[in-house]
Amino acid sequence: MMLIGLISDSHGNTTALQKAAAFFSGRADIIIHCGDVTAPRHLKPLLDTQIPVHLSQGNCDRDPAGFKRASRRSSLIYHDRAGWLEPNGAEIAFTHGDSPGIFYSLLNRSPDYLIQGHSHQRMDQEVDSTRLINPGAATSSVALLDTETDSLEFHELNDS
């Protein structure tokens, strides 16, 4: 079983990241953050969980060199503008979602899942053989994806 925590658009909100970290702890095997963290220091609550955090750069992430440095000394794996993972055979692509070119390039590879953020709106829909997921803005929600059962659970951070 592979449980993947999905988060995006935290925009420097440490309280939201603390709530997300508390929710993911003991549940998620890995975390995918689809960007708009704003600065590497804001990831601390997620990194403190010791769960590997995969990050794609968002349009509000102005310090790619800082994220690269942070990835050398923590559980952060920085993927620039897009990432691709294959945990337990599931193909998962992820990007922030602000670049249609990157989005469609990933979608054309037909991954099992394409995770994005940017719109701050939750989404769970199928396009051909790909499941498109947006966990919503971290200030209100995150999601937990089970790739073995193909189940997705949205979690309201306001309720935690």
Protein backbone atom coordinates (compact mmCIF):
# COMPACT_ATOMS: atom_id res chain seq x y z
CA MET A 1 0.00 0.00 0.00
CA MET A 2 1.22 3.51 -0.81
CA LEU A 3 -0.46 6.49 0.84
CA ILE A 4 0.48 9.84 -0.65
CA GLY A 5 -0.22 13.15 1.05
CA LEU A 6 -1.18 15.85 -1.45
CA ILE A 7 -0.83 19.54 -0.70
CA SER A 8 -0.47 22.76 -2.67
CA ASP A 9 -0.55 26.52 -2.40
CA SER A 10 0.49 26.93 1.24
CA HIS A 11 1.72 30.48 0.53
CA GLY A 12 3.85 30.75 3.67
CA ASN A 13 0.99 29.83 6.01
CA THR A 14 2.85 28.02 8.78
CA THR A 15 -0.33 27.22 10.70
CA ALA A 16 -1.81 25.43 7.68
CA LEU A 17 1.44 23.50 7.19
CA GLN A 18 1.46 22.49 10.86
CA LYS A 19 -2.10 21.16 10.50
CA ALA A 20 -1.17 19.35 7.29
CA ALA A 21 1.91 17.83 8.94
CA ALA A 22 -0.21 16.60 11.86
CA PHE A 23 -2.70 15.02 9.45
CA PHE A 24 -0.02 13.36 7.28
CA SER A 25 2.02 12.02 10.23
CA GLY A 26 1.35 8.33 10.70
CA ARG A 27 -0.71 8.24 7.49
CA ALA A 28 1.34 9.27 4.45
CA ASP A 29 4.32 7.39 3.08
CA ILE A 30 5.34 10.37 0.96
CA ILE A 31 4.07 13.93 0.50
CA ILE A 32 3.73 15.74 -2.82
CA HIS A 33 3.59 19.54 -2.56
CA CYS A 34 2.57 21.16 -5.85
CA GLY A 35 4.19 24.49 -5.12
CA ASP A 36 3.57 28.03 -3.99
CA VAL A 37 5.34 27.49 -0.69
CA THR A 38 6.98 30.95 -1.17
CA ALA A 39 10.22 30.19 0.75
CA PRO A 40 12.10 27.05 1.81
CA ARG A 41 11.79 27.89 5.53
CA HIS A 42 8.00 27.54 5.28
CA LEU A 43 8.36 23.80 4.61
CA LYS A 44 9.75 23.14 8.10
CA PRO A 45 6.54 21.64 9.58
CA LEU A 46 6.33 19.10 6.74
CA LEU A 47 10.04 18.32 6.85
CA ASP A 48 9.88 17.79 10.62
CA THR A 49 7.62 14.77 9.97
CA GLN A 50 10.61 12.98 8.34
CA ILE A 51 8.25 11.91 5.54
CA PRO A 52 9.89 12.48 2.12
CA VAL A 53 8.45 15.67 0.60
CA HIS A 54 8.47 15.98 -3.20
CA LEU A 55 8.08 19.59 -4.34
CA SER A 56 7.42 21.17 -7.71
CA GLN A 57 8.06 24.89 -8.05
CA GLY A 58 5.04 27.20 -8.16
CA ASN A 59 4.77 30.65 -9.67
CA CYS A 60 5.16 32.22 -6.19
CA ASP A 61 8.32 30.24 -5.35
CA ARG A 62 11.01 32.78 -6.15
CA ASP A 63 14.04 30.99 -4.65
CA PRO A 64 14.72 27.78 -6.60
CA ALA A 65 18.34 27.80 -5.42
CA GLY A 66 17.14 27.91 -1.81
CA PHE A 67 14.85 24.90 -2.38
CA LYS A 68 17.76 23.04 -4.00
CA ARG A 69 19.95 23.82 -0.97
CA ALA A 70 17.20 22.69 1.40
CA SER A 71 16.90 19.40 -0.48
CA ARG A 72 20.55 18.63 0.26
CA ARG A 73 20.02 18.75 4.02
CA SER A 74 16.49 17.46 4.61
CA SER A 75 13.80 15.03 3.45
CA LEU A 76 12.89 17.48 0.64
CA ILE A 77 13.17 16.27 -2.96
CA TYR A 78 12.98 19.29 -5.26
CA HIS A 79 11.72 18.64 -8.81
CA ASP A 80 11.86 22.13 -10.37
CA ARG A 81 8.65 22.77 -12.39
CA ALA A 82 7.41 19.16 -12.63
CA GLY A 83 8.01 15.74 -11.16
CA TRP A 84 7.37 12.11 -11.98
CA LEU A 85 7.23 9.27 -9.44
CA GLU A 86 6.47 5.58 -9.78
CA PRO A 87 5.73 4.32 -6.27
CA ASN A 88 4.66 0.67 -6.31
CA GLY A 89 4.16 0.86 -10.08
CA ALA A 90 1.70 3.78 -10.11
CA GLU A 91 2.77 6.59 -12.44
CA ILE A 92 2.30 9.96 -10.74
CA ALA A 93 3.10 13.24 -12.46
CA PHE A 94 2.88 16.54 -10.61
CA THR A 95 3.29 20.21 -11.33
CA HIS A 96 2.02 23.48 -9.95
CA GLY A 97 -0.45 23.97 -12.77
CA ASP A 98 0.30 27.53 -13.89
CA SER A 99 2.00 26.43 -17.13
CA PRO A 100 -0.33 24.85 -19.72
CA GLY A 101 2.72 23.65 -21.67
CA ILE A 102 4.07 21.67 -18.72
CA PHE A 103 0.61 20.40 -17.76
CA TYR A 104 -0.20 19.07 -21.24
CA SER A 105 3.29 17.65 -21.68
CA LEU A 106 2.71 15.57 -18.54
CA LEU A 107 -0.85 14.67 -19.50
CA ASN A 108 0.31 13.47 -22.93
CA ARG A 109 2.51 10.89 -21.16
CA SER A 110 -0.73 9.35 -19.75
CA PRO A 111 0.28 8.91 -16.11
CA ASP A 112 -2.14 7.16 -13.78
CA TYR A 113 -2.37 10.40 -11.76
CA LEU A 114 -1.61 14.03 -12.55
CA ILE A 115 -1.52 16.19 -9.43
CA GLN A 116 -1.62 19.98 -9.66
CA GLY A 117 -2.39 23.06 -7.62
CA HIS A 118 -2.53 26.74 -8.59
CA SER A 119 -6.33 27.19 -8.85
CA HIS A 120 -6.91 26.69 -5.09
CA GLN A 121 -9.93 24.58 -6.10
CA ARG A 122 -10.33 20.91 -5.25
CA MET A 123 -10.57 18.67 -8.27
CA ASP A 124 -10.90 14.95 -8.87
CA GLN A 125 -11.74 13.97 -12.45
CA GLU A 126 -10.75 11.55 -15.18
CA VAL A 127 -9.27 12.53 -18.54
CA ASP A 128 -8.89 9.41 -20.66
CA SER A 129 -6.81 7.07 -18.47
CA THR A 130 -5.42 9.80 -16.18
CA ARG A 131 -6.95 10.88 -12.88
CA LEU A 132 -6.50 14.65 -12.40
CA ILE A 133 -6.32 15.74 -8.77
CA ASN A 134 -5.99 19.13 -7.11
CA PRO A 135 -5.96 18.99 -3.29
CA GLY A 136 -7.11 22.63 -3.06
CA ALA A 137 -5.26 25.37 -1.21
CA ALA A 138 -3.42 24.24 1.93
CA THR A 139 -5.10 27.03 3.86
CA SER A 140 -8.30 24.95 3.68
CA SER A 141 -7.63 21.37 2.56
CA VAL A 142 -5.19 18.60 1.71
CA ALA A 143 -5.77 15.12 0.30
CA LEU A 144 -4.62 11.56 0.89
CA LEU A 145 -4.32 9.25 -2.11
CA ASP A 146 -4.14 5.47 -1.78
CA THR A 147 -2.63 4.22 -5.03
CA GLU A 148 -3.42 0.59 -4.21
CA THR A 149 -7.18 1.10 -3.87
CA ASP A 150 -7.32 4.25 -6.06
CA SER A 151 -9.16 6.03 -3.25
CA LEU A 152 -8.85 9.74 -2.54
CA GLU A 153 -9.80 11.47 0.71
CA PHE A 154 -9.98 15.25 0.97
CA HIS A 155 -9.33 16.57 4.48
CA GLU A 156 -10.51 19.95 5.72
CA LEU A 157 -7.67 21.55 7.66
CA ASN A 158 -10.12 23.90 9.40
CA ASP A 159 -11.60 20.83 11.12
CA SER A 160 -8.36 19.35 12.42
